[in-house]
Amino acid sequence: MPSEVVLPSALTPVIEECAGLGRAFSEAGARLFLVGGIVRDAFEGRTLDDPDVDFTTDALPQQIRSLVAPFASALWTQGERFGTIGLQVGARLVEITTHRSEIYRSDSRQPVVEFSREVEADLARRDFTVNAMAVEVTGPARLIDPFGGLADLRARRLRTPIGADVSFSDDPLRMLRAARFIAGYGLEPDADVAAAVATMADRLAIVSVERSREELAKLLAVDDPRPGLWFLQRSGLLAMLVPELGDTDADADADAEGGFEGGFDHVARVANEPMRRLATLLAPLGTRTRAAATLRALRCSNEVVATVSKTVGALALVWEMGESPSAGAIRRCSVAVPDMDALLDVAAALASTPQRRAIVDAVRAGVAQLAATEDLAHPEPALDGDAVMALLSVGPGRAVGEAIAFLRERRLDDGPRSAAEETALLLEWAANRSP
């Protein structure tokens, strides 16, 4: 890429703040390059609100440490053996890494790292050409773009700096990243990328489940993840990552029982919040048990497993309530999920017919009406176990549990009562109870 390319003005503050570093490296006979998403996003006209910046250099780690010391208010050397020195410059967190070329083993995505003197070798190991651009800051700032990343960005094209089959064989996680860039930047994979993914999807097996899950989460956080999800499904990557969804027919019509509309439209319609997006994606699984098993296979946290699987399982309760939901049904649904608003948001995204949308509206209205006068999330009886034992003149045991269960069921059916009202109700129950 010729040096006359005008750099985006969004990069100016970053370049100015790090000008001292640039001069120090230049005076030492080294070169320093700004790299990473900040370069790509600047040319995209996106807001650069992340204070973290990455540089690459031909200086070796020990020299980096010496050169940055006068500028750093804090210094981190944990990554030094891999060529990375971290530091804080003003409000910015900065990482500077020696140019690297990497050799991958066929059974692992962990590279054997070798340092390089050429920035082009470092950029060649990046995942896609749009991420293989650099801005040199030693001397007048200029764009370094040996693989045509800027042209690809403007053409909305997704390519790899080296052959896609080699790049994806080296690091199969890049295939999942492709989905995120397709969705997040509106890029179209070129024929080389598409063909490589279609034939190499099974190589994703060498990537850790945790790393794959993180990439899926990043894709779901894109405003409209549908193009990326389509890419995953058509390429076979979705079946590798979430086998239960890989079998889903995304061209299917809406399911009258599950309310699932194909084409991943439902995922784009729900609010962009991690738990809601994940619950909406997994909604076609239909049950809490299946959703929980899938989430555990992805090694999600216990909180995510519980929250998302309960939301998926409770969708059936929403549809069963119909357009005239009873107060009792709303209360029972409210205690079945951690967040009723999230459940209704997911249900609204899934509602593919006027009837389904009417059900969601009716339940939402019912929730609002009840929430104005009672605590839907904690519908506990007014009487506790000690009060029950005193009233029934019994000690701890089965009778107390049955009494509390009775009061709780009545609380869910009829709403809150005072302690006096519950006392009368309990004494009547005890009088009529079979010995």
Protein backbone atom coordinates (compact mmCIF):
# COMPACT_ATOMS: atom_id res chain seq x y z
CA MET A 1 0.00 0.00 0.00
CA PRO A 2 1.61 3.29 -1.04
CA SER A 3 2.64 5.72 1.65
CA GLU A 4 0.36 8.48 0.34
CA VAL A 5 -2.71 6.84 1.88
CA VAL A 6 -4.26 9.41 4.20
CA LEU A 7 -4.54 8.06 7.71
CA PRO A 8 -7.90 8.44 9.49
CA SER A 9 -8.02 11.38 11.88
CA ALA A 10 -9.22 9.03 14.61
CA LEU A 11 -5.67 7.66 14.83
CA THR A 12 -4.13 11.09 15.47
CA PRO A 13 -4.64 11.15 19.27
CA VAL A 14 -3.13 7.68 19.63
CA ILE A 15 -0.14 8.52 17.46
CA GLU A 16 0.44 11.80 19.29
CA GLU A 17 0.21 10.19 22.73
CA CYS A 18 2.78 7.58 21.73
CA ALA A 19 5.06 9.96 19.81
CA GLY A 20 7.69 9.79 22.53
CA LEU A 21 7.86 6.03 22.19
CA GLY A 22 8.22 6.37 18.43
CA ARG A 23 11.15 8.77 18.79
CA ALA A 24 12.86 6.55 21.35
CA PHE A 25 12.66 3.50 19.09
CA SER A 26 13.77 5.48 16.05
CA GLU A 27 16.81 6.91 17.85
CA ALA A 28 17.75 3.38 18.87
CA GLY A 29 17.62 2.25 15.25
CA ALA A 30 14.41 0.25 15.71
CA ARG A 31 10.99 0.54 14.05
CA LEU A 32 7.62 0.65 15.83
CA PHE A 33 4.24 -0.14 14.25
CA LEU A 34 0.70 0.33 15.52
CA VAL A 35 -1.27 -2.85 14.73
CA GLY A 36 -4.51 -4.63 15.49
CA GLY A 37 -8.17 -3.79 15.39
CA ILE A 38 -7.57 -0.13 16.11
CA VAL A 39 -6.11 0.33 12.60
CA ARG A 40 -8.95 -1.54 10.92
CA ASP A 41 -11.64 0.26 12.91
CA ALA A 42 -10.11 3.67 12.23
CA PHE A 43 -10.39 3.08 8.49
CA GLU A 44 -13.96 1.86 9.06
CA GLY A 45 -14.80 5.17 10.74
CA ARG A 46 -15.66 3.44 14.00
CA THR A 47 -15.27 5.10 17.39
CA LEU A 48 -11.95 4.21 18.98
CA ASP A 49 -12.96 4.25 22.61
CA ASP A 50 -10.76 1.37 23.78
CA PRO A 51 -7.68 2.76 25.55
CA ASP A 52 -5.62 -0.38 24.86
CA VAL A 53 -3.23 -0.30 21.90
CA ASP A 54 -0.86 -2.85 20.41
CA PHE A 55 2.47 -2.27 18.70
CA THR A 56 4.91 -4.57 16.96
CA THR A 57 8.62 -3.85 16.53
CA ASP A 58 11.88 -5.30 15.24
CA ALA A 59 13.46 -4.63 18.64
CA LEU A 60 13.99 -7.66 20.86
CA PRO A 61 12.15 -7.92 24.22
CA GLN A 62 15.12 -6.86 26.36
CA GLN A 63 15.62 -3.78 24.20
CA ILE A 64 11.90 -2.99 24.32
CA ARG A 65 11.99 -3.08 28.10
CA SER A 66 14.92 -0.67 28.17
CA LEU A 67 13.39 1.75 25.64
CA VAL A 68 9.96 2.00 27.26
CA ALA A 69 11.10 2.34 30.87
CA PRO A 70 11.24 6.20 30.81
CA PHE A 71 7.65 6.40 29.50
CA ALA A 72 5.96 3.74 31.62
CA SER A 73 4.08 4.44 34.82
CA ALA A 74 3.76 0.65 35.14
CA LEU A 75 5.52 -2.23 33.40
CA TRP A 76 4.54 -5.89 32.87
CA THR A 77 7.06 -8.47 31.70
CA GLN A 78 5.10 -11.73 32.12
CA GLY A 79 4.96 -12.16 28.34
CA GLU A 80 8.61 -11.30 27.72
CA ARG A 81 9.60 -14.83 26.70
CA PHE A 82 6.96 -14.61 23.96
CA GLY A 83 8.25 -11.19 22.91
CA THR A 84 5.64 -9.01 24.64
CA ILE A 85 6.22 -6.16 27.08
CA GLY A 86 3.19 -4.43 28.61
CA LEU A 87 3.18 -0.90 29.95
CA GLN A 88 0.95 2.00 30.85
CA VAL A 89 1.49 5.30 29.07
CA GLY A 90 -0.78 7.96 30.52
CA ALA A 91 -4.29 6.53 30.38
CA ARG A 92 -3.39 3.95 27.74
CA LEU A 93 -2.47 0.34 28.29
CA VAL A 94 0.11 -0.58 25.67
CA GLU A 95 1.58 -3.90 24.55
CA ILE A 96 4.69 -3.99 22.38
CA THR A 97 5.64 -7.30 20.79
CA THR A 98 8.71 -8.24 18.78
CA HIS A 99 7.86 -9.21 15.18
CA ARG A 100 7.04 -12.88 15.13
CA SER A 101 6.78 -15.65 12.62
CA GLU A 102 5.12 -18.81 13.84
CA ILE A 103 5.26 -22.50 13.02
CA TYR A 104 2.27 -24.65 14.02
CA ARG A 105 2.16 -28.37 14.78
CA SER A 106 -0.60 -30.30 13.04
CA ASP A 107 -2.14 -31.48 16.34
CA SER A 108 -2.23 -28.12 18.12
CA ARG A 109 -3.01 -24.45 17.61
CA GLN A 110 -0.16 -23.51 19.95
CA PRO A 111 2.60 -22.05 17.76
CA VAL A 112 6.34 -22.40 18.03
CA VAL A 113 7.28 -18.72 18.18
CA GLU A 114 10.27 -17.34 16.33
CA PHE A 115 11.21 -13.66 16.28
CA SER A 116 11.53 -11.87 12.97
CA ARG A 117 13.14 -8.66 11.79
CA GLU A 118 10.49 -7.94 9.15
CA VAL A 119 7.05 -6.47 9.83
CA GLU A 120 5.73 -8.22 6.72
CA ALA A 121 6.46 -11.62 8.28
CA ASP A 122 4.60 -10.55 11.41
CA LEU A 123 1.58 -9.32 9.43
CA ALA A 124 1.53 -12.50 7.33
CA ARG A 125 0.69 -14.55 10.46
CA ARG A 126 -2.46 -12.48 11.16
CA ASP A 127 -5.86 -14.07 10.60
CA PHE A 128 -7.26 -11.83 7.83
CA THR A 129 -5.93 -9.13 5.54
CA VAL A 130 -8.17 -6.49 7.16
CA ASN A 131 -6.31 -7.21 10.40
CA ALA A 132 -2.89 -7.33 8.72
CA MET A 133 -2.41 -3.58 8.39
CA ALA A 134 0.04 -1.51 10.43
CA VAL A 135 0.87 2.15 10.91
CA GLU A 136 4.54 2.95 11.37
CA VAL A 137 5.10 5.59 14.06
CA THR A 138 8.87 5.84 13.85
CA GLY A 139 9.14 8.88 11.60
CA PRO A 140 6.13 10.29 9.73
CA ALA A 141 3.16 8.01 10.35
CA ARG A 142 2.36 5.85 7.33
CA LEU A 143 0.30 2.81 6.47
CA ILE A 144 1.98 -0.57 5.94
CA ASP A 145 -0.41 -2.85 4.05
CA PRO A 146 1.47 -5.61 2.21
CA PHE A 147 -1.58 -7.85 1.73
CA GLY A 148 -4.17 -5.35 0.50
CA GLY A 149 -6.21 -5.21 3.68
CA LEU A 150 -7.50 -1.68 3.06
CA ALA A 151 -8.69 -2.59 -0.44
CA ASP A 152 -10.41 -5.67 0.98
CA LEU A 153 -12.06 -3.60 3.70
CA ARG A 154 -13.41 -1.18 1.12
CA ALA A 155 -14.54 -4.04 -1.13
CA ARG A 156 -16.18 -5.80 1.85
CA ARG A 157 -14.03 -8.86 1.18
CA LEU A 158 -12.68 -11.36 3.71
CA ARG A 159 -9.34 -12.90 2.74
CA THR A 160 -6.37 -14.40 4.53
CA PRO A 161 -2.83 -13.00 4.09
CA ILE A 162 -1.57 -16.48 3.15
CA GLY A 163 -3.51 -19.41 1.69
CA ALA A 164 -6.69 -19.96 3.67
CA ASP A 165 -6.08 -23.71 3.96
CA VAL A 166 -2.66 -23.06 5.49
CA SER A 167 -3.96 -20.28 7.75
CA PHE A 168 -6.90 -22.31 9.07
CA SER A 169 -4.83 -25.47 9.45
CA ASP A 170 -2.36 -23.47 11.54
CA ASP A 171 -5.08 -22.00 13.74
CA PRO A 172 -8.59 -23.45 13.21
CA LEU A 173 -10.09 -20.86 15.58
CA ARG A 174 -9.71 -18.41 12.69
CA MET A 175 -12.63 -20.15 10.99
CA LEU A 176 -14.90 -19.09 13.85
CA ARG A 177 -13.43 -15.60 13.78
CA ALA A 178 -14.39 -15.44 10.12
CA ALA A 179 -18.06 -15.65 11.14
CA ARG A 180 -17.65 -12.67 13.48
CA PHE A 181 -16.03 -10.51 10.80
CA ILE A 182 -18.64 -11.53 8.24
CA ALA A 183 -21.40 -10.42 10.60
CA GLY A 184 -19.71 -7.49 12.32
CA TYR A 185 -18.18 -5.82 9.28
CA GLY A 186 -20.43 -6.97 6.46
CA LEU A 187 -17.59 -8.83 4.75
CA GLU A 188 -18.06 -11.57 2.18
CA PRO A 189 -15.62 -14.50 2.35
CA ASP A 190 -13.69 -14.99 -0.84
CA ALA A 191 -13.76 -18.36 -2.59
CA ASP A 192 -10.50 -19.48 -0.96
CA VAL A 193 -11.84 -18.83 2.55
CA ALA A 194 -15.22 -20.43 1.88
CA ALA A 195 -13.69 -23.54 0.31
CA ALA A 196 -11.14 -23.98 3.08
CA VAL A 197 -13.74 -23.75 5.85
CA ALA A 198 -16.09 -26.15 4.07
CA THR A 199 -13.39 -28.82 3.88
CA MET A 200 -11.66 -28.19 7.22
CA ALA A 201 -14.53 -27.71 9.70
CA ASP A 202 -13.61 -30.88 11.57
CA ARG A 203 -10.21 -29.40 12.41
CA LEU A 204 -12.03 -27.21 14.94
CA ALA A 205 -11.79 -30.27 17.21
CA ILE A 206 -8.22 -29.32 18.22
CA VAL A 207 -9.38 -25.93 19.55
CA SER A 208 -10.28 -25.79 23.24
CA VAL A 209 -13.98 -25.65 23.99
CA GLU A 210 -13.43 -22.49 26.02
CA ARG A 211 -11.84 -20.59 23.14
CA SER A 212 -14.56 -21.70 20.73
CA ARG A 213 -17.24 -20.65 23.22
CA GLU A 214 -15.63 -17.22 23.56
CA GLU A 215 -15.74 -16.74 19.79
CA LEU A 216 -19.40 -17.76 19.70
CA ALA A 217 -20.11 -15.20 22.44
CA LYS A 218 -18.33 -12.49 20.46
CA LEU A 219 -20.39 -13.36 17.39
CA LEU A 220 -23.63 -13.20 19.38
CA ALA A 221 -22.60 -9.75 20.66
CA VAL A 222 -22.58 -8.34 17.11
CA ASP A 223 -25.61 -6.16 16.40
CA ASP A 224 -26.86 -8.55 13.72
CA PRO A 225 -25.17 -11.96 14.05
CA ARG A 226 -27.29 -13.64 11.38
CA PRO A 227 -24.74 -13.60 8.52
CA GLY A 228 -22.14 -15.15 10.80
CA LEU A 229 -24.53 -17.80 12.09
CA TRP A 230 -25.53 -18.68 8.55
CA PHE A 231 -21.84 -19.03 7.68
CA LEU A 232 -21.30 -21.35 10.64
CA GLN A 233 -24.27 -23.50 9.72
CA ARG A 234 -23.58 -23.77 6.00
CA SER A 235 -19.90 -24.58 6.56
CA GLY A 236 -20.55 -27.28 9.16
CA LEU A 237 -18.83 -25.31 11.92
CA LEU A 238 -22.05 -24.94 13.90
CA ALA A 239 -22.47 -28.72 13.98
CA MET A 240 -18.93 -28.99 15.33
CA LEU A 241 -19.50 -26.32 17.97
CA VAL A 242 -23.10 -27.04 19.00
CA PRO A 243 -24.13 -30.36 17.45
CA GLU A 244 -27.74 -30.00 18.62
CA LEU A 245 -28.13 -26.81 16.57
CA GLY A 246 -26.19 -28.10 13.64
CA ASP A 247 -29.10 -30.46 12.96
CA THR A 248 -31.66 -27.65 13.05
CA ASP A 249 -33.22 -26.83 9.70
CA ALA A 250 -32.72 -23.06 9.55
CA ASP A 251 -34.99 -22.92 6.51
CA ALA A 252 -37.86 -24.48 8.43
CA ASP A 253 -41.16 -22.72 8.87
CA ALA A 254 -42.24 -21.61 12.31
CA ASP A 255 -42.93 -24.53 14.62
CA ALA A 256 -46.47 -24.32 15.94
CA GLU A 257 -45.46 -25.81 19.29
CA GLY A 258 -42.04 -24.24 19.85
CA GLY A 259 -42.61 -20.92 18.15
CA PHE A 260 -39.19 -21.10 16.46
CA GLU A 261 -38.76 -19.21 13.24
CA GLY A 262 -35.90 -20.37 11.06
CA GLY A 263 -33.15 -18.27 9.54
CA PHE A 264 -31.72 -17.08 12.87
CA ASP A 265 -33.99 -14.02 12.66
CA HIS A 266 -34.99 -14.66 16.26
CA VAL A 267 -31.41 -14.14 17.47
CA ALA A 268 -31.17 -10.74 15.80
CA ARG A 269 -34.50 -9.61 17.25
CA VAL A 270 -33.67 -10.13 20.92
CA ALA A 271 -31.90 -7.46 22.96
CA ASN A 272 -28.13 -7.58 22.60
CA GLU A 273 -27.37 -9.01 26.05
CA PRO A 274 -25.32 -12.22 26.45
CA MET A 275 -27.80 -14.36 28.38
CA ARG A 276 -30.76 -13.36 26.20
CA ARG A 277 -28.89 -13.90 22.96
CA LEU A 278 -27.70 -17.33 24.08
CA ALA A 279 -31.16 -18.36 25.31
CA THR A 280 -32.68 -17.28 22.01
CA LEU A 281 -30.08 -19.20 20.01
CA LEU A 282 -30.72 -22.36 22.06
CA ALA A 283 -34.52 -21.99 22.16
CA PRO A 284 -35.02 -24.58 19.36
CA LEU A 285 -33.70 -27.22 21.78
CA GLY A 286 -37.06 -26.92 23.51
CA THR A 287 -36.34 -28.08 27.05
CA ARG A 288 -34.35 -26.94 30.04
CA THR A 289 -32.57 -30.31 30.18
CA ARG A 290 -31.32 -30.21 26.61
CA ALA A 291 -30.26 -26.58 26.91
CA ALA A 292 -28.38 -27.27 30.15
CA ALA A 293 -26.56 -30.23 28.60
CA THR A 294 -25.49 -28.11 25.63
CA LEU A 295 -24.28 -25.29 27.86
CA ARG A 296 -22.30 -27.70 30.04
CA ALA A 297 -20.70 -29.16 26.92
CA LEU A 298 -19.60 -25.61 26.07
CA ARG A 299 -18.19 -25.38 29.61
CA CYS A 300 -20.25 -22.36 30.53
CA SER A 301 -20.32 -21.18 34.13
CA ASN A 302 -22.91 -22.56 36.53
CA GLU A 303 -24.66 -19.20 36.47
CA VAL A 304 -24.96 -19.21 32.69
CA VAL A 305 -26.14 -22.84 32.63
CA ALA A 306 -28.83 -22.17 35.23
CA THR A 307 -30.04 -18.82 33.86
CA VAL A 308 -30.12 -19.71 30.18
CA SER A 309 -31.52 -23.22 30.56
CA LYS A 310 -34.32 -22.03 32.88
CA THR A 311 -35.22 -19.36 30.33
CA VAL A 312 -35.34 -21.90 27.50
CA GLY A 313 -37.44 -24.30 29.58
CA ALA A 314 -39.90 -21.61 30.68
CA LEU A 315 -40.80 -20.60 27.13
CA ALA A 316 -43.34 -23.43 27.07
CA LEU A 317 -45.02 -21.86 30.12
CA VAL A 318 -45.44 -18.59 28.26
CA TRP A 319 -47.15 -20.22 25.27
CA GLU A 320 -49.38 -22.33 27.55
CA MET A 321 -50.74 -19.20 29.28
CA GLY A 322 -52.46 -18.05 26.10
CA GLU A 323 -53.95 -14.63 25.51
CA SER A 324 -55.78 -14.57 28.86
CA PRO A 325 -53.11 -15.58 31.36
CA SER A 326 -54.22 -16.21 34.93
CA ALA A 327 -52.50 -14.52 37.81
CA GLY A 328 -51.49 -17.93 39.17
CA ALA A 329 -49.85 -18.96 35.90
CA ILE A 330 -47.93 -15.68 35.78
CA ARG A 331 -46.72 -16.14 39.35
CA ARG A 332 -45.58 -19.71 38.68
CA CYS A 333 -43.77 -18.65 35.54
CA SER A 334 -42.10 -15.78 37.41
CA VAL A 335 -40.60 -18.13 40.00
CA ALA A 336 -39.41 -20.53 37.30
CA VAL A 337 -36.91 -18.06 35.81
CA PRO A 338 -34.31 -15.67 37.22
CA ASP A 339 -35.53 -12.79 35.05
CA MET A 340 -39.11 -12.58 33.79
CA ASP A 341 -38.33 -9.59 31.60
CA ALA A 342 -35.56 -11.55 29.88
CA LEU A 343 -37.92 -14.49 29.33
CA LEU A 344 -40.55 -12.28 27.70
CA ASP A 345 -37.89 -10.57 25.59
CA VAL A 346 -36.77 -13.97 24.29
CA ALA A 347 -40.39 -15.04 23.76
CA ALA A 348 -41.11 -11.86 21.82
CA ALA A 349 -38.10 -12.54 19.57
CA LEU A 350 -39.36 -16.06 18.94
CA ALA A 351 -43.00 -15.10 18.36
CA SER A 352 -43.42 -15.64 14.63
CA THR A 353 -47.23 -15.42 14.40
CA PRO A 354 -49.79 -12.79 15.44
CA GLN A 355 -51.15 -15.22 18.03
CA ARG A 356 -47.74 -15.71 19.62
CA ARG A 357 -47.14 -11.97 19.72
CA ALA A 358 -50.54 -11.45 21.35
CA ILE A 359 -49.66 -14.01 24.03
CA VAL A 360 -46.41 -12.21 24.86
CA ASP A 361 -48.21 -8.85 25.05
CA ALA A 362 -50.89 -10.30 27.33
CA VAL A 363 -48.38 -11.93 29.67
CA ARG A 364 -46.27 -8.78 29.79
CA ALA A 365 -49.33 -6.73 30.72
CA GLY A 366 -50.28 -9.25 33.40
CA VAL A 367 -46.78 -9.16 34.87
CA ALA A 368 -46.82 -5.37 35.06
CA GLN A 369 -50.23 -5.38 36.77
CA LEU A 370 -49.23 -7.94 39.43
CA ALA A 371 -45.77 -6.45 40.01
CA ALA A 372 -47.40 -3.17 41.01
CA THR A 373 -48.82 -4.78 44.16
CA GLU A 374 -46.67 -7.83 44.98
CA ASP A 375 -43.18 -9.29 44.75
CA LEU A 376 -43.38 -11.77 41.88
CA ALA A 377 -39.81 -12.97 42.28
CA HIS A 378 -40.24 -13.99 45.95
CA PRO A 379 -43.84 -15.18 46.51
CA GLU A 380 -43.27 -16.62 49.95
CA PRO A 381 -46.09 -17.26 52.48
CA ALA A 382 -46.43 -14.83 55.38
CA LEU A 383 -46.00 -17.70 57.87
CA ASP A 384 -42.63 -19.40 58.23
CA GLY A 385 -41.79 -22.83 59.61
CA ASP A 386 -41.60 -21.68 63.23
CA ALA A 387 -45.04 -20.06 63.00
CA VAL A 388 -46.50 -23.22 61.44
CA MET A 389 -45.09 -25.44 64.19
CA ALA A 390 -46.51 -23.15 66.88
CA LEU A 391 -49.96 -23.07 65.27
CA LEU A 392 -50.13 -26.83 64.71
CA SER A 393 -48.38 -27.73 67.96
CA VAL A 394 -45.93 -30.00 66.14
CA GLY A 395 -42.18 -30.29 65.87
CA PRO A 396 -40.01 -30.34 62.72
CA GLY A 397 -41.13 -32.98 60.25
CA ARG A 398 -43.26 -33.93 57.29
CA ALA A 399 -46.37 -32.12 58.53
CA VAL A 400 -44.56 -28.79 58.59
CA GLY A 401 -43.27 -29.29 55.04
CA GLU A 402 -46.74 -30.17 53.79
CA ALA A 403 -48.22 -27.11 55.50
CA ILE A 404 -45.63 -24.77 53.98
CA ALA A 405 -46.19 -26.36 50.56
CA PHE A 406 -49.95 -25.83 50.92
CA LEU A 407 -49.51 -22.16 51.89
CA ARG A 408 -47.11 -21.59 49.04
CA GLU A 409 -49.47 -23.11 46.48
CA ARG A 410 -52.31 -20.92 47.76
CA ARG A 411 -49.98 -17.92 47.64
CA LEU A 412 -49.20 -18.63 44.00
CA ASP A 413 -52.87 -19.19 43.13
CA ASP A 414 -54.48 -16.37 45.07
CA GLY A 415 -51.77 -13.82 45.78
CA PRO A 416 -50.41 -12.51 49.08
CA ARG A 417 -52.38 -12.77 52.35
CA SER A 418 -51.75 -11.29 55.76
CA ALA A 419 -50.39 -13.49 58.56
CA ALA A 420 -53.84 -13.51 60.15
CA GLU A 421 -55.50 -14.64 56.91
CA GLU A 422 -52.92 -17.37 56.42
CA THR A 423 -53.41 -18.50 60.02
CA ALA A 424 -57.14 -19.02 59.44
CA LEU A 425 -56.43 -20.78 56.13
CA LEU A 426 -53.86 -23.08 57.72
CA LEU A 427 -56.08 -24.02 60.65
CA GLU A 428 -58.91 -24.88 58.27
CA TRP A 429 -56.50 -27.00 56.19
CA ALA A 430 -55.26 -28.81 59.30
CA ALA A 431 -58.83 -29.50 60.49
CA ASN A 432 -59.79 -31.05 57.17
CA ARG A 433 -56.54 -32.93 56.66
CA SER A 434 -56.69 -36.70 56.81
CA PRO A 435 -54.83 -38.07 59.83
